Protein backbone atom coordinates (compact mmCIF):
# COMPACT_ATOMS: atom_id res chain seq x y z
CA MET A 1 86.05 43.02 79.35
CA LYS A 2 88.01 45.12 81.16
CA MET A 3 87.75 49.29 80.67
CA THR A 4 90.82 51.22 81.51
CA ILE A 5 91.15 55.07 81.42
CA ASN A 6 94.26 57.02 80.07
CA LEU A 7 95.16 59.35 83.04
CA ALA A 8 98.44 60.05 81.80
CA GLY A 9 97.37 62.95 79.91
CA ARG A 10 95.51 64.48 82.68
CA SER A 11 98.37 64.17 85.07
CA ALA A 12 100.62 66.08 82.86
CA VAL A 13 98.00 68.70 82.22
CA ALA A 14 97.66 68.99 86.06
CA VAL A 15 101.27 69.37 86.59
CA ARG A 16 101.51 72.21 84.24
CA PHE A 17 98.37 73.80 85.74
CA PHE A 18 99.77 73.61 89.39
CA ILE A 19 103.15 75.07 88.32
CA ALA A 20 101.47 77.91 86.51
CA LEU A 21 99.10 78.34 89.60
CA ALA A 22 102.29 78.80 91.84
CA VAL A 23 103.77 81.33 89.37
CA ILE A 24 100.85 83.29 89.13
CA LEU A 25 100.54 83.25 93.09
CA SER A 26 104.10 84.14 93.55
CA ASP A 27 103.49 87.23 91.22
CA VAL A 28 100.44 88.28 93.17
CA MET A 29 102.36 87.87 96.72
CA CYS A 30 104.87 90.23 95.42
CA ALA A 31 102.50 92.86 94.30
CA THR A 32 100.58 92.61 97.43
CA VAL A 33 103.30 92.50 99.83
CA ALA A 34 105.04 95.73 97.96
CA TYR A 35 101.55 97.51 98.06
CA ASN A 36 101.22 97.04 102.00
CA TYR A 37 104.90 97.85 102.42
CA CYS A 38 104.29 101.04 100.60
CA ALA A 39 100.92 101.61 102.62
CA PHE A 40 102.61 101.06 106.05
CA GLN A 41 105.65 103.35 105.13
CA TRP A 42 103.17 106.08 103.92
CA GLY A 43 100.93 105.46 107.06
CA GLY A 44 103.63 105.64 109.42
CA LYS A 45 105.32 108.73 107.89
CA TYR A 46 101.91 110.85 107.54
CA GLU A 47 99.20 109.40 109.82
CA GLY A 48 101.28 108.33 112.74
CA TRP A 49 100.55 104.65 112.42
CA SER A 50 102.75 102.66 115.12
CA ALA A 51 103.38 99.54 112.90
CA PRO A 52 106.52 99.23 111.14
CA PRO A 53 106.45 98.78 107.26
CA ASP A 54 107.93 95.28 107.94
CA VAL A 55 104.56 93.90 108.95
CA ALA A 56 103.72 93.84 105.42
CA PHE A 57 105.68 90.79 104.92
CA VAL A 58 102.78 89.20 107.05
CA SER A 59 100.56 89.26 104.13
CA GLY A 60 102.56 87.07 101.96
CA ILE A 61 102.31 84.01 104.27
CA PRO A 62 99.09 82.59 103.00
CA TYR A 63 100.60 83.25 99.34
CA ALA A 64 103.67 81.36 100.30
CA VAL A 65 101.59 78.46 101.69
CA GLY A 66 99.43 78.33 98.52
CA ILE A 67 102.57 78.16 96.57
CA VAL A 68 104.21 75.51 98.48
CA ILE A 69 100.81 73.73 98.24
CA CYS A 70 100.83 73.83 94.50
CA LEU A 71 104.38 72.58 94.29
CA ILE A 72 103.48 69.37 96.45
CA LEU A 73 100.62 69.07 94.08
CA ALA A 74 102.45 69.22 91.21
CA ARG A 75 105.11 66.82 92.48
CA VAL A 76 102.34 64.20 93.40
CA CYS A 77 100.96 64.37 89.83
CA HIS A 78 104.47 64.13 88.36
CA LYS A 79 105.11 61.09 90.14
CA ARG A 80 101.51 59.71 89.15
CA GLU A 81 102.19 60.38 85.29
CA GLN A 82 105.47 58.59 85.61
CA LYS A 83 103.89 55.58 87.24
CA GLN A 84 101.31 55.45 84.33
CA ARG A 85 104.28 55.64 81.91
CA GLU A 86 105.89 52.70 83.47
CA ARG A 87 102.59 50.51 83.04
């Protein structure tokens, strides 16, 4: 007697989860970069910081990497779900 596990439903949930996580990460990235940009602008104007406000965009790099990873994982789960449906 061979036991089979239905993973198609789990893959669909995983696809939605990773896409939702990518959207949330993009929103948090925008908020973080905007806050840091304002902080660097204020610091340069009133406290004499030497770094330009454009340095704030560096804080978005980890979020961008996380977004790309989530989208790749969503694509892999989507392909896995399609293979499960073909069987």
